[in-house]
Amino acid sequence: MKKIEAIIQPHKLDEVKEALIGIGVEGITISEVRGHGRQKGHTEIYRGAEYTVDLLPKVKLEIFVPDSRAEEIIGVLTTAARSGKIGDGKIFVSSIEEVVRIRNGDRGETAL
């Protein structure tokens, strides 16, 4: 089993969700987060004063999938979230040892 974490631009969320639902992804956890990558934020002017915005708003998606679906989902995420501009985000993939459904004790891929 794999955990796929994607950090994406907020304006891409609807497009990414639709693409994932379109290929049958059933469970997604979505969080609003803040952070920066190489771009280190940007400078803005507000009421004549210049200030630096170093933590930019992002959206984090967490998806747990069987190993056999991981590459397909990574491909869909990459395509749907890409704008071609700096700050599009990152995808992280981790191996998951065990999953337990709290309601009935199911374990492994059946608990997904």
PDB file of N, CA and C in Angstrom:
ATOM      1  N   MET A   1       0.840  -1.176   0.000  1.00  0.00           N
ATOM      2  CA  MET A   1       0.000   0.000   0.000  1.00  0.00           C
ATOM      3  C   MET A   1       0.882   1.235   0.000  1.00  0.00           C
ATOM      4  N   LYS A   2       0.359   2.308  -0.580  1.00  0.00           N
ATOM      5  CA  LYS A   2       1.104   3.562  -0.680  1.00  0.00           C
ATOM      6  C   LYS A   2       0.282   4.716  -0.129  1.00  0.00           C
ATOM      7  N   LYS A   3       1.002   5.681   0.435  1.00  0.00           N
ATOM      8  CA  LYS A   3       0.411   6.957   0.811  1.00  0.00           C
ATOM      9  C   LYS A   3       0.946   7.972  -0.183  1.00  0.00           C
ATOM     10  N   ILE A   4       0.034   8.633  -0.887  1.00  0.00           N
ATOM     11  CA  ILE A   4       0.416   9.661  -1.844  1.00  0.00           C
ATOM     12  C   ILE A   4      -0.010  11.003  -1.256  1.00  0.00           C
ATOM     13  N   GLU A   5       0.978  11.877  -1.041  1.00  0.00           N
ATOM     14  CA  GLU A   5       0.715  13.225  -0.546  1.00  0.00           C
ATOM     15  C   GLU A   5       1.049  14.192  -1.676  1.00  0.00           C
ATOM     16  N   ALA A   6       0.119  15.059  -1.986  1.00  0.00           N
ATOM     17  CA  ALA A   6       0.354  16.056  -3.023  1.00  0.00           C
ATOM     18  C   ALA A   6       0.123  17.439  -2.440  1.00  0.00           C
ATOM     19  N   ILE A   7       1.083  18.321  -2.650  1.00  0.00           N
ATOM     20  CA  ILE A   7       0.954  19.723  -2.260  1.00  0.00           C
ATOM     21  C   ILE A   7       0.729  20.482  -3.567  1.00  0.00           C
ATOM     22  N   ILE A   8      -0.436  21.127  -3.701  1.00  0.00           N
ATOM     23  CA  ILE A   8      -0.785  21.759  -4.968  1.00  0.00           C
ATOM     24  C   ILE A   8      -1.265  23.196  -4.752  1.00  0.00           C
ATOM     25  N   GLN A   9      -1.422  23.922  -5.847  1.00  0.00           N
ATOM     26  CA  GLN A   9      -1.977  25.274  -5.809  1.00  0.00           C
ATOM     27  C   GLN A   9      -3.471  25.189  -5.493  1.00  0.00           C
ATOM     28  N   PRO A  10      -3.991  26.076  -4.652  1.00  0.00           N
ATOM     29  CA  PRO A  10      -5.419  26.029  -4.294  1.00  0.00           C
ATOM     30  C   PRO A  10      -6.360  26.123  -5.495  1.00  0.00           C
ATOM     31  N   HIS A  11      -6.010  26.908  -6.505  1.00  0.00           N
ATOM     32  CA  HIS A  11      -6.903  27.072  -7.648  1.00  0.00           C
ATOM     33  C   HIS A  11      -7.001  25.819  -8.519  1.00  0.00           C
ATOM     34  N   LYS A  12      -6.148  24.822  -8.284  1.00  0.00           N
ATOM     35  CA  LYS A  12      -6.170  23.580  -9.038  1.00  0.00           C
ATOM     36  C   LYS A  12      -6.976  22.480  -8.339  1.00  0.00           C
ATOM     37  N   LEU A  13      -7.473  22.751  -7.133  1.00  0.00           N
ATOM     38  CA  LEU A  13      -8.126  21.709  -6.335  1.00  0.00           C
ATOM     39  C   LEU A  13      -9.317  21.076  -7.042  1.00  0.00           C
ATOM     40  N   ASP A  14     -10.235  21.869  -7.573  1.00  0.00           N
ATOM     41  CA  ASP A  14     -11.422  21.308  -8.214  1.00  0.00           C
ATOM     42  C   ASP A  14     -11.054  20.424  -9.402  1.00  0.00           C
ATOM     43  N   GLU A  15     -10.117  20.880 -10.203  1.00  0.00           N
ATOM     44  CA  GLU A  15      -9.673  20.110 -11.366  1.00  0.00           C
ATOM     45  C   GLU A  15      -9.049  18.777 -10.938  1.00  0.00           C
ATOM     46  N   VAL A  16      -8.233  18.811  -9.894  1.00  0.00           N
ATOM     47  CA  VAL A  16      -7.586  17.598  -9.392  1.00  0.00           C
ATOM     48  C   VAL A  16      -8.629  16.635  -8.810  1.00  0.00           C
ATOM     49  N   LYS A  17      -9.558  17.161  -8.004  1.00  0.00           N
ATOM     50  CA  LYS A  17     -10.607  16.309  -7.429  1.00  0.00           C
ATOM     51  C   LYS A  17     -11.419  15.619  -8.520  1.00  0.00           C
ATOM     52  N   GLU A  18     -11.834  16.366  -9.526  1.00  0.00           N
ATOM     53  CA  GLU A  18     -12.621  15.793 -10.623  1.00  0.00           C
ATOM     54  C   GLU A  18     -11.847  14.705 -11.349  1.00  0.00           C
ATOM     55  N   ALA A  19     -10.560  14.931 -11.586  1.00  0.00           N
ATOM     56  CA  ALA A  19      -9.728  13.942 -12.272  1.00  0.00           C
ATOM     57  C   ALA A  19      -9.598  12.664 -11.441  1.00  0.00           C
ATOM     58  N   LEU A  20      -9.412  12.806 -10.124  1.00  0.00           N
ATOM     59  CA  LEU A  20      -9.282  11.636  -9.259  1.00  0.00           C
ATOM     60  C   LEU A  20     -10.596  10.871  -9.160  1.00  0.00           C
ATOM     61  N   ILE A  21     -11.698  11.577  -9.016  1.00  0.00           N
ATOM     62  CA  ILE A  21     -13.009  10.932  -8.961  1.00  0.00           C
ATOM     63  C   ILE A  21     -13.286  10.230 -10.291  1.00  0.00           C
ATOM     64  N   GLY A  22     -12.827  10.829 -11.381  1.00  0.00           N
ATOM     65  CA  GLY A  22     -13.010  10.256 -12.705  1.00  0.00           C
ATOM     66  C   GLY A  22     -12.336   8.919 -12.909  1.00  0.00           C
ATOM     67  N   ILE A  23     -11.274   8.636 -12.158  1.00  0.00           N
ATOM     68  CA  ILE A  23     -10.611   7.330 -12.269  1.00  0.00           C
ATOM     69  C   ILE A  23     -10.964   6.409 -11.099  1.00  0.00           C
ATOM     70  N   GLY A  24     -11.954   6.808 -10.308  1.00  0.00           N
ATOM     71  CA  GLY A  24     -12.462   5.929  -9.265  1.00  0.00           C
ATOM     72  C   GLY A  24     -11.778   6.007  -7.913  1.00  0.00           C
ATOM     73  N   VAL A  25     -11.051   7.093  -7.644  1.00  0.00           N
ATOM     74  CA  VAL A  25     -10.452   7.263  -6.320  1.00  0.00           C
ATOM     75  C   VAL A  25     -11.582   7.624  -5.356  1.00  0.00           C
ATOM     76  N   GLU A  26     -11.721   6.843  -4.294  1.00  0.00           N
ATOM     77  CA  GLU A  26     -12.847   7.023  -3.378  1.00  0.00           C
ATOM     78  C   GLU A  26     -12.518   7.856  -2.151  1.00  0.00           C
ATOM     79  N   GLY A  27     -11.322   7.751  -1.625  1.00  0.00           N
ATOM     80  CA  GLY A  27     -10.992   8.445  -0.384  1.00  0.00           C
ATOM     81  C   GLY A  27      -9.867   9.442  -0.556  1.00  0.00           C
ATOM     82  N   ILE A  28     -10.143  10.684  -0.205  1.00  0.00           N
ATOM     83  CA  ILE A  28      -9.137  11.746  -0.274  1.00  0.00           C
ATOM     84  C   ILE A  28      -9.270  12.590   0.994  1.00  0.00           C
ATOM     85  N   THR A  29      -8.156  12.904   1.621  1.00  0.00           N
ATOM     86  CA  THR A  29      -8.145  13.848   2.728  1.00  0.00           C
ATOM     87  C   THR A  29      -7.515  15.132   2.204  1.00  0.00           C
ATOM     88  N   ILE A  30      -8.193  16.256   2.419  1.00  0.00           N
ATOM     89  CA  ILE A  30      -7.719  17.536   1.896  1.00  0.00           C
ATOM     90  C   ILE A  30      -7.545  18.514   3.058  1.00  0.00           C
ATOM     91  N   SER A  31      -6.377  19.162   3.093  1.00  0.00           N
ATOM     92  CA  SER A  31      -6.078  20.148   4.132  1.00  0.00           C
ATOM     93  C   SER A  31      -5.586  21.432   3.490  1.00  0.00           C
ATOM     94  N   GLU A  32      -5.959  22.556   4.088  1.00  0.00           N
ATOM     95  CA  GLU A  32      -5.379  23.831   3.675  1.00  0.00           C
ATOM     96  C   GLU A  32      -4.103  24.020   4.482  1.00  0.00           C
ATOM     97  N   VAL A  33      -3.005  24.261   3.788  1.00  0.00           N
ATOM     98  CA  VAL A  33      -1.705  24.418   4.451  1.00  0.00           C
ATOM     99  C   VAL A  33      -1.015  25.666   3.913  1.00  0.00           C
ATOM    100  N   ARG A  34       0.092  26.026   4.544  1.00  0.00           N
ATOM    101  CA  ARG A  34       0.908  27.145   4.079  1.00  0.00           C
ATOM    102  C   ARG A  34       2.350  26.674   4.019  1.00  0.00           C
ATOM    103  N   GLY A  35       3.086  27.225   3.069  1.00  0.00           N
ATOM    104  CA  GLY A  35       4.481  26.856   2.960  1.00  0.00           C
ATOM    105  C   GLY A  35       5.139  27.551   1.784  1.00  0.00           C
ATOM    106  N   HIS A  36       6.403  27.205   1.562  1.00  0.00           N
ATOM    107  CA  HIS A  36       7.100  27.719   0.392  1.00  0.00           C
ATOM    108  C   HIS A  36       8.148  26.721  -0.032  1.00  0.00           C
ATOM    109  N   GLY A  37       8.499  26.807  -1.264  1.00  0.00           N
ATOM    110  CA  GLY A  37       9.562  25.990  -1.821  1.00  0.00           C
ATOM    111  C   GLY A  37      10.724  26.881  -2.180  1.00  0.00           C
ATOM    112  N   ARG A  38      11.297  26.617  -3.334  1.00  0.00           N
ATOM    113  CA  ARG A  38      12.454  27.387  -3.773  1.00  0.00           C
ATOM    114  C   ARG A  38      12.161  28.864  -3.984  1.00  0.00           C
ATOM    115  N   GLN A  39      10.899  29.194  -4.328  1.00  0.00           N
ATOM    116  CA  GLN A  39      10.589  30.592  -4.631  1.00  0.00           C
ATOM    117  C   GLN A  39      10.603  31.478  -3.391  1.00  0.00           C
ATOM    118  N   LYS A  40      10.525  30.910  -2.205  1.00  0.00           N
ATOM    119  CA  LYS A  40      10.614  31.643  -0.934  1.00  0.00           C
ATOM    120  C   LYS A  40       9.572  32.749  -0.788  1.00  0.00           C
ATOM    121  N   GLY A  41       8.412  32.592  -1.404  1.00  0.00           N
ATOM    122  CA  GLY A  41       7.360  33.596  -1.279  1.00  0.00           C
ATOM    123  C   GLY A  41       7.516  34.713  -2.292  1.00  0.00           C
ATOM    124  N   HIS A  42       6.858  35.831  -2.020  1.00  0.00           N
ATOM    125  CA  HIS A  42       6.921  36.975  -2.917  1.00  0.00           C
ATOM    126  C   HIS A  42       6.669  38.264  -2.137  1.00  0.00           C
ATOM    127  N   THR A  43       6.914  39.398  -2.785  1.00  0.00           N
ATOM    128  CA  THR A  43       6.731  40.706  -2.166  1.00  0.00           C
ATOM    129  C   THR A  43       5.441  41.329  -2.692  1.00  0.00           C
ATOM    130  N   GLU A  44       4.665  41.926  -1.811  1.00  0.00           N
ATOM    131  CA  GLU A  44       3.429  42.611  -2.182  1.00  0.00           C
ATOM    132  C   GLU A  44       3.432  44.013  -1.596  1.00  0.00           C
ATOM    133  N   ILE A  45       2.608  44.869  -2.184  1.00  0.00           N
ATOM    134  CA  ILE A  45       2.435  46.230  -1.665  1.00  0.00           C
ATOM    135  C   ILE A  45       0.995  46.365  -1.214  1.00  0.00           C
ATOM    136  N   TYR A  46       0.807  46.778   0.042  1.00  0.00           N
ATOM    137  CA  TYR A  46      -0.521  46.956   0.610  1.00  0.00           C
ATOM    138  C   TYR A  46      -0.572  48.327   1.256  1.00  0.00           C
ATOM    139  N   ARG A  47      -1.473  49.167   0.782  1.00  0.00           N
ATOM    140  CA  ARG A  47      -1.616  50.540   1.278  1.00  0.00           C
ATOM    141  C   ARG A  47      -0.283  51.286   1.304  1.00  0.00           C
ATOM    142  N   GLY A  48       0.469  51.094   0.237  1.00  0.00           N
ATOM    143  CA  GLY A  48       1.726  51.813   0.085  1.00  0.00           C
ATOM    144  C   GLY A  48       2.910  51.199   0.798  1.00  0.00           C
ATOM    145  N   ALA A  49       2.676  50.184   1.617  1.00  0.00           N
ATOM    146  CA  ALA A  49       3.790  49.551   2.325  1.00  0.00           C
ATOM    147  C   ALA A  49       4.120  48.215   1.662  1.00  0.00           C
ATOM    148  N   GLU A  50       5.400  47.952   1.517  1.00  0.00           N
ATOM    149  CA  GLU A  50       5.850  46.705   0.910  1.00  0.00           C
ATOM    150  C   GLU A  50       6.098  45.672   2.010  1.00  0.00           C
ATOM    151  N   TYR A  51       5.618  44.474   1.785  1.00  0.00           N
ATOM    152  CA  TYR A  51       5.889  43.414   2.748  1.00  0.00           C
ATOM    153  C   TYR A  51       6.082  42.089   2.026  1.00  0.00           C
ATOM    154  N   THR A  52       6.740  41.164   2.683  1.00  0.00           N
ATOM    155  CA  THR A  52       7.051  39.871   2.093  1.00  0.00           C
ATOM    156  C   THR A  52       6.066  38.817   2.583  1.00  0.00           C
ATOM    157  N   VAL A  53       5.509  38.081   1.638  1.00  0.00           N
ATOM    158  CA  VAL A  53       4.642  36.947   1.946  1.00  0.00           C
ATOM    159  C   VAL A  53       5.509  35.711   1.746  1.00  0.00           C
ATOM    160  N   ASP A  54       5.987  35.137   2.850  1.00  0.00           N
ATOM    161  CA  ASP A  54       6.920  34.011   2.722  1.00  0.00           C
ATOM    162  C   ASP A  54       6.260  32.649   2.908  1.00  0.00           C
ATOM    163  N   LEU A  55       5.035  32.603   3.397  1.00  0.00           N
ATOM    164  CA  LEU A  55       4.301  31.346   3.504  1.00  0.00           C
ATOM    165  C   LEU A  55       3.056  31.462   2.632  1.00  0.00           C
ATOM    166  N   LEU A  56       3.079  30.760   1.526  1.00  0.00           N
ATOM    167  CA  LEU A  56       2.008  30.852   0.543  1.00  0.00           C
ATOM    168  C   LEU A  56       0.930  29.806   0.815  1.00  0.00           C
ATOM    169  N   PRO A  57      -0.328  30.125   0.516  1.00  0.00           N
ATOM    170  CA  PRO A  57      -1.393  29.139   0.708  1.00  0.00           C
ATOM    171  C   PRO A  57      -1.261  28.008  -0.296  1.00  0.00           C
ATOM    172  N   LYS A  58      -1.397  26.786   0.181  1.00  0.00           N
ATOM    173  CA  LYS A  58      -1.353  25.574  -0.643  1.00  0.00           C
ATOM    174  C   LYS A  58      -2.453  24.639  -0.167  1.00  0.00           C
ATOM    175  N   VAL A  59      -2.673  23.571  -0.914  1.00  0.00           N
ATOM    176  CA  VAL A  59      -3.620  22.533  -0.534  1.00  0.00           C
ATOM    177  C   VAL A  59      -2.858  21.215  -0.510  1.00  0.00           C
ATOM    178  N   LYS A  60      -3.083  20.431   0.547  1.00  0.00           N
ATOM    179  CA  LYS A  60      -2.426  19.130   0.685  1.00  0.00           C
ATOM    180  C   LYS A  60      -3.483  18.038   0.551  1.00  0.00           C
ATOM    181  N   LEU A  61      -3.245  17.107  -0.362  1.00  0.00           N
ATOM    182  CA  LEU A  61      -4.115  15.955  -0.536  1.00  0.00           C
ATOM    183  C   LEU A  61      -3.379  14.720  -0.043  1.00  0.00           C
ATOM    184  N   GLU A  62      -4.091  13.860   0.665  1.00  0.00           N
ATOM    185  CA  GLU A  62      -3.531  12.589   1.113  1.00  0.00           C
ATOM    186  C   GLU A  62      -4.439  11.484   0.594  1.00  0.00           C
ATOM    187  N   ILE A  63      -3.829  10.515  -0.090  1.00  0.00           N
ATOM    188  CA  ILE A  63      -4.569   9.420  -0.688  1.00  0.00           C
ATOM    189  C   ILE A  63      -3.836   8.129  -0.342  1.00  0.00           C
ATOM    190  N   PHE A  64      -4.565   7.136   0.137  1.00  0.00           N
ATOM    191  CA  PHE A  64      -4.000   5.834   0.454  1.00  0.00           C
ATOM    192  C   PHE A  64      -4.533   4.837  -0.556  1.00  0.00           C
ATOM    193  N   VAL A  65      -3.617   4.133  -1.245  1.00  0.00           N
ATOM    194  CA  VAL A  65      -4.024   3.273  -2.358  1.00  0.00           C
ATOM    195  C   VAL A  65      -3.235   1.966  -2.361  1.00  0.00           C
ATOM    196  N   PRO A  66      -3.789   0.937  -3.021  1.00  0.00           N
ATOM    197  CA  PRO A  66      -2.999  -0.284  -3.242  1.00  0.00           C
ATOM    198  C   PRO A  66      -1.806   0.041  -4.147  1.00  0.00           C
ATOM    199  N   ASP A  67      -0.734  -0.723  -4.005  1.00  0.00           N
ATOM    200  CA  ASP A  67       0.461  -0.506  -4.826  1.00  0.00           C
ATOM    201  C   ASP A  67       0.134  -0.461  -6.317  1.00  0.00           C
ATOM    202  N   SER A  68      -0.799  -1.279  -6.752  1.00  0.00           N
ATOM    203  CA  SER A  68      -1.117  -1.403  -8.172  1.00  0.00           C
ATOM    204  C   SER A  68      -1.720  -0.131  -8.775  1.00  0.00           C
ATOM    205  N   ARG A  69      -2.265   0.754  -7.974  1.00  0.00           N
ATOM    206  CA  ARG A  69      -2.898   1.986  -8.485  1.00  0.00           C
ATOM    207  C   ARG A  69      -2.021   3.225  -8.337  1.00  0.00           C
ATOM    208  N   ALA A  70      -0.903   3.102  -7.639  1.00  0.00           N
ATOM    209  CA  ALA A  70      -0.097   4.284  -7.315  1.00  0.00           C
ATOM    210  C   ALA A  70       0.366   5.052  -8.554  1.00  0.00           C
ATOM    211  N   GLU A  71       0.947   4.393  -9.541  1.00  0.00           N
ATOM    212  CA  GLU A  71       1.474   5.094 -10.717  1.00  0.00           C
ATOM    213  C   GLU A  71       0.375   5.791 -11.506  1.00  0.00           C
ATOM    214  N   GLU A  72      -0.785   5.145 -11.633  1.00  0.00           N
ATOM    215  CA  GLU A  72      -1.911   5.755 -12.341  1.00  0.00           C
ATOM    216  C   GLU A  72      -2.339   7.055 -11.649  1.00  0.00           C
ATOM    217  N   ILE A  73      -2.441   7.001 -10.331  1.00  0.00           N
ATOM    218  CA  ILE A  73      -2.889   8.163  -9.562  1.00  0.00           C
ATOM    219  C   ILE A  73      -1.848   9.276  -9.605  1.00  0.00           C
ATOM    220  N   ILE A  74      -0.578   8.933  -9.532  1.00  0.00           N
ATOM    221  CA  ILE A  74       0.489   9.935  -9.636  1.00  0.00           C
ATOM    222  C   ILE A  74       0.418  10.632 -10.995  1.00  0.00           C
ATOM    223  N   GLY A  75       0.186   9.876 -12.050  1.00  0.00           N
ATOM    224  CA  GLY A  75       0.070  10.454 -13.388  1.00  0.00           C
ATOM    225  C   GLY A  75      -1.098  11.420 -13.500  1.00  0.00           C
ATOM    226  N   VAL A  76      -2.243  11.035 -12.944  1.00  0.00           N
ATOM    227  CA  VAL A  76      -3.429  11.895 -12.988  1.00  0.00           C
ATOM    228  C   VAL A  76      -3.203  13.157 -12.160  1.00  0.00           C
ATOM    229  N   LEU A  77      -2.618  13.012 -10.981  1.00  0.00           N
ATOM    230  CA  LEU A  77      -2.312  14.178 -10.144  1.00  0.00           C
ATOM    231  C   LEU A  77      -1.378  15.147 -10.865  1.00  0.00           C
ATOM    232  N   THR A  78      -0.334  14.614 -11.463  1.00  0.00           N
ATOM    233  CA  THR A  78       0.647  15.449 -12.153  1.00  0.00           C
ATOM    234  C   THR A  78      -0.001  16.225 -13.295  1.00  0.00           C
ATOM    235  N   THR A  79      -0.796  15.543 -14.086  1.00  0.00           N
ATOM    236  CA  THR A  79      -1.451  16.188 -15.224  1.00  0.00           C
ATOM    237  C   THR A  79      -2.451  17.249 -14.781  1.00  0.00           C
ATOM    238  N   ALA A  80      -3.290  16.913 -13.809  1.00  0.00           N
ATOM    239  CA  ALA A  80      -4.362  17.824 -13.389  1.00  0.00           C
ATOM    240  C   ALA A  80      -3.829  19.030 -12.616  1.00  0.00           C
ATOM    241  N   ALA A  81      -2.737  18.882 -11.878  1.00  0.00           N
ATOM    242  CA  ALA A  81      -2.236  19.969 -11.030  1.00  0.00           C
ATOM    243  C   ALA A  81      -1.236  20.876 -11.744  1.00  0.00           C
ATOM    244  N   ARG A  82      -0.769  20.467 -12.917  1.00  0.00           N
ATOM    245  CA  ARG A  82       0.293  21.222 -13.594  1.00  0.00           C
ATOM    246  C   ARG A  82      -0.248  22.474 -14.280  1.00  0.00           C
ATOM    247  N   SER A  83       0.408  23.608 -14.004  1.00  0.00           N
ATOM    248  CA  SER A  83       0.129  24.845 -14.734  1.00  0.00           C
ATOM    249  C   SER A  83       1.343  25.237 -15.567  1.00  0.00           C
ATOM    250  N   GLY A  84       2.484  24.643 -15.237  1.00  0.00           N
ATOM    251  CA  GLY A  84       3.719  24.961 -15.946  1.00  0.00           C
ATOM    252  C   GLY A  84       4.483  26.120 -15.334  1.00  0.00           C
ATOM    253  N   LYS A  85       3.979  26.641 -14.224  1.00  0.00           N
ATOM    254  CA  LYS A  85       4.627  27.773 -13.566  1.00  0.00           C
ATOM    255  C   LYS A  85       5.270  27.316 -12.258  1.00  0.00           C
ATOM    256  N   ILE A  86       6.188  28.123 -11.776  1.00  0.00           N
ATOM    257  CA  ILE A  86       6.844  27.807 -10.510  1.00  0.00           C
ATOM    258  C   ILE A  86       5.800  27.746  -9.394  1.00  0.00           C
ATOM    259  N   GLY A  87       5.971  26.798  -8.485  1.00  0.00           N
ATOM    260  CA  GLY A  87       5.050  26.675  -7.361  1.00  0.00           C
ATOM    261  C   GLY A  87       3.910  25.707  -7.603  1.00  0.00           C
ATOM    262  N   ASP A  88       3.961  24.918  -8.691  1.00  0.00           N
ATOM    263  CA  ASP A  88       2.896  23.948  -8.967  1.00  0.00           C
ATOM    264  C   ASP A  88       2.766  22.914  -7.852  1.00  0.00           C
ATOM    265  N   GLY A  89       3.856  22.591  -7.171  1.00  0.00           N
ATOM    266  CA  GLY A  89       3.770  21.690  -6.035  1.00  0.00           C
ATOM    267  C   GLY A  89       4.643  20.463  -6.160  1.00  0.00           C
ATOM    268  N   LYS A  90       4.395  19.509  -5.282  1.00  0.00           N
ATOM    269  CA  LYS A  90       5.174  18.274  -5.209  1.00  0.00           C
ATOM    270  C   LYS A  90       4.247  17.121  -4.879  1.00  0.00           C
ATOM    271  N   ILE A  91       4.695  15.915  -5.227  1.00  0.00           N
ATOM    272  CA  ILE A  91       4.004  14.680  -4.848  1.00  0.00           C
ATOM    273  C   ILE A  91       5.006  13.819  -4.102  1.00  0.00           C
ATOM    274  N   PHE A  92       4.589  13.316  -2.940  1.00  0.00           N
ATOM    275  CA  PHE A  92       5.427  12.438  -2.130  1.00  0.00           C
ATOM    276  C   PHE A  92       4.738  11.084  -2.028  1.00  0.00           C
ATOM    277  N   VAL A  93       5.507  10.016  -2.176  1.00  0.00           N
ATOM    278  CA  VAL A  93       4.946   8.667  -2.109  1.00  0.00           C
ATOM    279  C   VAL A  93       5.684   7.904  -1.016  1.00  0.00           C
ATOM    280  N   SER A  94       4.917   7.299  -0.103  1.00  0.00           N
ATOM    281  CA  SER A  94       5.481   6.525   1.004  1.00  0.00           C
ATOM    282  C   SER A  94       4.833   5.150   1.041  1.00  0.00           C
ATOM    283  N   SER A  95       5.577   4.182   1.533  1.00  0.00           N
ATOM    284  CA  SER A  95       5.014   2.843   1.747  1.00  0.00           C
ATOM    285  C   SER A  95       4.288   2.815   3.084  1.00  0.00           C
ATOM    286  N   ILE A  96       3.170   2.116   3.116  1.00  0.00           N
ATOM    287  CA  ILE A  96       2.368   1.976   4.322  1.00  0.00           C
ATOM    288  C   ILE A  96       2.403   0.525   4.759  1.00  0.00           C
ATOM    289  N   GLU A  97       2.774   0.287   5.996  1.00  0.00           N
ATOM    290  CA  GLU A  97       2.854  -1.079   6.516  1.00  0.00           C
ATOM    291  C   GLU A  97       1.493  -1.692   6.778  1.00  0.00           C
ATOM    292  N   GLU A  98       0.603  -0.921   7.382  1.00  0.00           N
ATOM    293  CA  GLU A  98      -0.669  -1.484   7.809  1.00  0.00           C
ATOM    294  C   GLU A  98      -1.741  -0.416   7.841  1.00  0.00           C
ATOM    295  N   VAL A  99      -2.961  -0.838   7.548  1.00  0.00           N
ATOM    296  CA  VAL A  99      -4.139   0.017   7.666  1.00  0.00           C
ATOM    297  C   VAL A  99      -5.177  -0.773   8.440  1.00  0.00           C
ATOM    298  N   VAL A 100      -5.833  -0.138   9.403  1.00  0.00           N
ATOM    299  CA  VAL A 100      -6.882  -0.793  10.190  1.00  0.00           C
ATOM    300  C   VAL A 100      -8.121   0.086  10.150  1.00  0.00           C
ATOM    301  N   ARG A 101      -9.227  -0.492   9.721  1.00  0.00           N
ATOM    302  CA  ARG A 101     -10.507   0.244   9.753  1.00  0.00           C
ATOM    303  C   ARG A 101     -11.032   0.148  11.171  1.00  0.00           C
ATOM    304  N   ILE A 102     -11.249   1.264  11.802  1.00  0.00           N
ATOM    305  CA  ILE A 102     -11.666   1.308  13.200  1.00  0.00           C
ATOM    306  C   ILE A 102     -13.031   0.662  13.405  1.00  0.00           C
ATOM    307  N   ARG A 103     -13.954   0.897  12.494  1.00  0.00           N
ATOM    308  CA  ARG A 103     -15.335   0.427  12.654  1.00  0.00           C
ATOM    309  C   ARG A 103     -15.433  -1.088  12.860  1.00  0.00           C
ATOM    310  N   ASN A 104     -14.686  -1.876  12.050  1.00  0.00           N
ATOM    311  CA  ASN A 104     -14.857  -3.327  12.141  1.00  0.00           C
ATOM    312  C   ASN A 104     -13.559  -4.128  12.243  1.00  0.00           C
ATOM    313  N   GLY A 105     -12.422  -3.452  12.296  1.00  0.00           N
ATOM    314  CA  GLY A 105     -11.168  -4.144  12.466  1.00  0.00           C
ATOM    315  C   GLY A 105     -10.551  -4.674  11.184  1.00  0.00           C
ATOM    316  N   ASP A 106     -11.148  -4.386  10.012  1.00  0.00           N
ATOM    317  CA  ASP A 106     -10.542  -4.820   8.740  1.00  0.00           C
ATOM    318  C   ASP A 106      -9.106  -4.329   8.674  1.00  0.00           C
ATOM    319  N   ARG A 107      -8.254  -5.140   8.053  1.00  0.00           N
ATOM    320  CA  ARG A 107      -6.829  -4.794   7.937  1.00  0.00           C
ATOM    321  C   ARG A 107      -6.357  -4.897   6.497  1.00  0.00           C
ATOM    322  N   GLY A 108      -5.283  -4.178   6.205  1.00  0.00           N
ATOM    323  CA  GLY A 108      -4.677  -4.243   4.875  1.00  0.00           C
ATOM    324  C   GLY A 108      -5.508  -3.527   3.831  1.00  0.00           C
ATOM    325  N   GLU A 109      -5.376  -3.982   2.566  1.00  0.00           N
ATOM    326  CA  GLU A 109      -6.045  -3.310   1.466  1.00  0.00           C
ATOM    327  C   GLU A 109      -7.560  -3.316   1.590  1.00  0.00           C
ATOM    328  N   THR A 110      -8.127  -4.305   2.276  1.00  0.00           N
ATOM    329  CA  THR A 110      -9.600  -4.329   2.456  1.00  0.00           C
ATOM    330  C   THR A 110     -10.058  -3.166   3.334  1.00  0.00           C
ATOM    331  N   ALA A 111      -9.164  -2.609   4.151  1.00  0.00           N
ATOM    332  CA  ALA A 111      -9.507  -1.482   5.015  1.00  0.00           C
ATOM    333  C   ALA A 111      -9.470  -0.146   4.273  1.00  0.00           C
ATOM    334  N   LEU A 112      -8.858  -0.155   3.084  1.00  0.00           N
ATOM    335  CA  LEU A 112      -8.795   1.095   2.311  1.00  0.00           C
ATOM    336  C   LEU A 112     -10.188   1.449   1.828  1.00  0.00           C
TER     337      LEU A 112
END
